[in-house]
Amino acid sequence: MDLDEAADRLAALREHLRDAAPRIGMIRDARPDVIEELDMVMAFVEPHRRTGARFNLALLS
């Protein structure tokens, strides 16, 4: 998808995880780890917004 759109969606996901505080994980709540990873992705994505670049995100578990 367009990098600018991806950045908006990632920011919305991070905000939802922070505000709604859903539990992620069976044994322990991995939500803080997921938020930290989203912060790292956003730090990489943000400088490249509005450049016409494309973004592909793969989620592995």
N, C-alpha and C. Protein backbone atom coordinates (compact mmCIF):
# COMPACT_ATOMS: atom_id res chain seq x y z
N MET A 1 0.84 -1.18 0.00
CA MET A 1 0.00 0.00 0.00
C MET A 1 0.88 1.24 0.00
N ASP A 2 0.29 2.35 -0.29
CA ASP A 2 0.99 3.63 -0.26
C ASP A 2 1.56 3.86 1.13
N LEU A 3 2.80 4.30 1.20
CA LEU A 3 3.48 4.47 2.48
C LEU A 3 2.77 5.46 3.39
N ASP A 4 2.23 6.52 2.83
CA ASP A 4 1.53 7.51 3.65
C ASP A 4 0.29 6.90 4.29
N GLU A 5 -0.46 6.10 3.52
CA GLU A 5 -1.64 5.43 4.06
C GLU A 5 -1.23 4.40 5.12
N ALA A 6 -0.15 3.66 4.85
CA ALA A 6 0.33 2.67 5.80
C ALA A 6 0.72 3.33 7.13
N ALA A 7 1.39 4.48 7.07
CA ALA A 7 1.79 5.19 8.27
C ALA A 7 0.57 5.59 9.09
N ASP A 8 -0.48 6.06 8.42
CA ASP A 8 -1.71 6.42 9.14
C ASP A 8 -2.33 5.21 9.82
N ARG A 9 -2.35 4.08 9.12
CA ARG A 9 -2.94 2.86 9.69
C ARG A 9 -2.11 2.34 10.86
N LEU A 10 -0.79 2.37 10.72
CA LEU A 10 0.06 1.92 11.82
C LEU A 10 -0.11 2.82 13.04
N ALA A 11 -0.22 4.11 12.84
CA ALA A 11 -0.43 5.05 13.95
C ALA A 11 -1.77 4.77 14.63
N ALA A 12 -2.80 4.49 13.83
CA ALA A 12 -4.12 4.19 14.41
C ALA A 12 -4.07 2.88 15.20
N LEU A 13 -3.35 1.89 14.69
CA LEU A 13 -3.22 0.63 15.41
C LEU A 13 -2.49 0.85 16.73
N ARG A 14 -1.42 1.60 16.71
CA ARG A 14 -0.67 1.89 17.94
C ARG A 14 -1.55 2.61 18.96
N GLU A 15 -2.30 3.59 18.49
CA GLU A 15 -3.19 4.34 19.38
C GLU A 15 -4.24 3.42 20.00
N HIS A 16 -4.81 2.53 19.19
CA HIS A 16 -5.82 1.59 19.69
C HIS A 16 -5.21 0.67 20.75
N LEU A 17 -4.02 0.14 20.47
CA LEU A 17 -3.38 -0.75 21.44
C LEU A 17 -3.08 -0.02 22.74
N ARG A 18 -2.67 1.24 22.64
CA ARG A 18 -2.35 2.01 23.83
C ARG A 18 -3.63 2.36 24.62
N ASP A 19 -4.66 2.81 23.92
CA ASP A 19 -5.86 3.30 24.59
C ASP A 19 -6.82 2.20 25.03
N ALA A 20 -7.05 1.22 24.16
CA ALA A 20 -8.01 0.16 24.49
C ALA A 20 -7.38 -0.93 25.35
N ALA A 21 -6.05 -1.02 25.31
CA ALA A 21 -5.29 -1.96 26.13
C ALA A 21 -5.77 -3.41 26.02
N PRO A 22 -5.96 -3.93 24.79
CA PRO A 22 -6.34 -5.34 24.69
C PRO A 22 -5.15 -6.23 25.07
N ARG A 23 -5.45 -7.36 25.63
CA ARG A 23 -4.38 -8.31 25.99
C ARG A 23 -3.94 -9.03 24.72
N ILE A 24 -2.63 -9.15 24.54
CA ILE A 24 -2.07 -9.87 23.40
C ILE A 24 -1.16 -10.95 23.96
N GLY A 25 -1.45 -12.20 23.64
CA GLY A 25 -0.62 -13.31 24.10
C GLY A 25 -1.34 -14.20 25.07
N MET A 26 -0.97 -15.46 25.07
CA MET A 26 -1.62 -16.45 25.93
C MET A 26 -0.99 -16.50 27.32
N ILE A 27 0.33 -16.50 27.40
CA ILE A 27 1.00 -16.69 28.68
C ILE A 27 1.24 -15.36 29.39
N ARG A 28 1.72 -14.38 28.63
CA ARG A 28 1.92 -13.05 29.22
C ARG A 28 1.40 -12.03 28.22
N ASP A 29 1.11 -10.86 28.71
CA ASP A 29 0.61 -9.80 27.85
C ASP A 29 1.78 -9.20 27.07
N ALA A 30 1.79 -9.42 25.77
CA ALA A 30 2.88 -8.94 24.91
C ALA A 30 2.57 -7.57 24.32
N ARG A 31 1.49 -6.93 24.75
CA ARG A 31 1.11 -5.64 24.20
C ARG A 31 2.21 -4.59 24.26
N PRO A 32 2.93 -4.46 25.39
CA PRO A 32 4.02 -3.47 25.40
C PRO A 32 5.09 -3.76 24.35
N ASP A 33 5.37 -5.03 24.11
CA ASP A 33 6.36 -5.40 23.09
C ASP A 33 5.86 -5.02 21.69
N VAL A 34 4.58 -5.24 21.44
CA VAL A 34 4.00 -4.92 20.13
C VAL A 34 4.03 -3.41 19.91
N ILE A 35 3.69 -2.65 20.93
CA ILE A 35 3.73 -1.19 20.82
C ILE A 35 5.16 -0.71 20.56
N GLU A 36 6.13 -1.31 21.24
CA GLU A 36 7.52 -0.95 21.03
C GLU A 36 7.95 -1.25 19.58
N GLU A 37 7.53 -2.39 19.06
CA GLU A 37 7.86 -2.72 17.67
C GLU A 37 7.19 -1.75 16.69
N LEU A 38 5.95 -1.37 16.98
CA LEU A 38 5.27 -0.39 16.13
C LEU A 38 6.01 0.95 16.17
N ASP A 39 6.52 1.33 17.33
CA ASP A 39 7.30 2.56 17.44
C ASP A 39 8.54 2.50 16.54
N MET A 40 9.21 1.34 16.51
CA MET A 40 10.40 1.18 15.67
C MET A 40 10.04 1.26 14.19
N VAL A 41 8.93 0.63 13.81
CA VAL A 41 8.48 0.68 12.41
C VAL A 41 8.13 2.11 12.03
N MET A 42 7.41 2.81 12.92
CA MET A 42 7.01 4.18 12.64
C MET A 42 8.23 5.10 12.51
N ALA A 43 9.26 4.87 13.32
CA ALA A 43 10.48 5.68 13.21
C ALA A 43 11.14 5.49 11.85
N PHE A 44 11.03 4.30 11.29
CA PHE A 44 11.58 4.03 9.96
C PHE A 44 10.70 4.63 8.87
N VAL A 45 9.39 4.51 9.03
CA VAL A 45 8.42 4.92 8.00
C VAL A 45 8.28 6.44 7.92
N GLU A 46 8.21 7.09 9.05
CA GLU A 46 7.86 8.52 9.11
C GLU A 46 8.70 9.42 8.19
N PRO A 47 10.02 9.27 8.14
CA PRO A 47 10.80 10.16 7.27
C PRO A 47 10.53 9.98 5.77
N HIS A 48 9.89 8.87 5.42
CA HIS A 48 9.67 8.56 4.01
C HIS A 48 8.23 8.80 3.55
N ARG A 49 7.41 9.35 4.43
CA ARG A 49 6.02 9.63 4.06
C ARG A 49 5.96 10.61 2.90
N ARG A 50 4.91 10.50 2.14
CA ARG A 50 4.62 11.41 1.03
C ARG A 50 5.72 11.42 -0.03
N THR A 51 6.42 10.30 -0.16
CA THR A 51 7.45 10.20 -1.20
C THR A 51 6.99 9.35 -2.37
N GLY A 52 5.80 8.76 -2.24
CA GLY A 52 5.31 7.86 -3.27
C GLY A 52 5.80 6.44 -3.07
N ALA A 53 6.54 6.19 -1.98
CA ALA A 53 7.05 4.85 -1.70
C ALA A 53 5.89 3.92 -1.34
N ARG A 54 6.15 2.64 -1.46
CA ARG A 54 5.16 1.62 -1.11
C ARG A 54 5.62 0.93 0.17
N PHE A 55 4.69 0.31 0.89
CA PHE A 55 4.98 -0.33 2.18
C PHE A 55 4.37 -1.72 2.19
N ASN A 56 5.15 -2.68 2.66
CA ASN A 56 4.67 -4.05 2.80
C ASN A 56 5.02 -4.51 4.21
N LEU A 57 4.03 -4.92 4.97
CA LEU A 57 4.25 -5.36 6.35
C LEU A 57 3.87 -6.82 6.47
N ALA A 58 4.76 -7.61 7.00
CA ALA A 58 4.48 -9.02 7.26
C ALA A 58 4.47 -9.23 8.76
N LEU A 59 3.46 -9.89 9.26
CA LEU A 59 3.36 -10.20 10.68
C LEU A 59 3.69 -11.67 10.88
N LEU A 60 4.65 -11.94 11.73
CA LEU A 60 5.05 -13.32 12.02
C LEU A 60 4.80 -13.62 13.47
N SER A 61 4.36 -14.83 13.73
CA SER A 61 4.14 -15.20 15.13
C SER A 61 4.91 -16.46 15.45
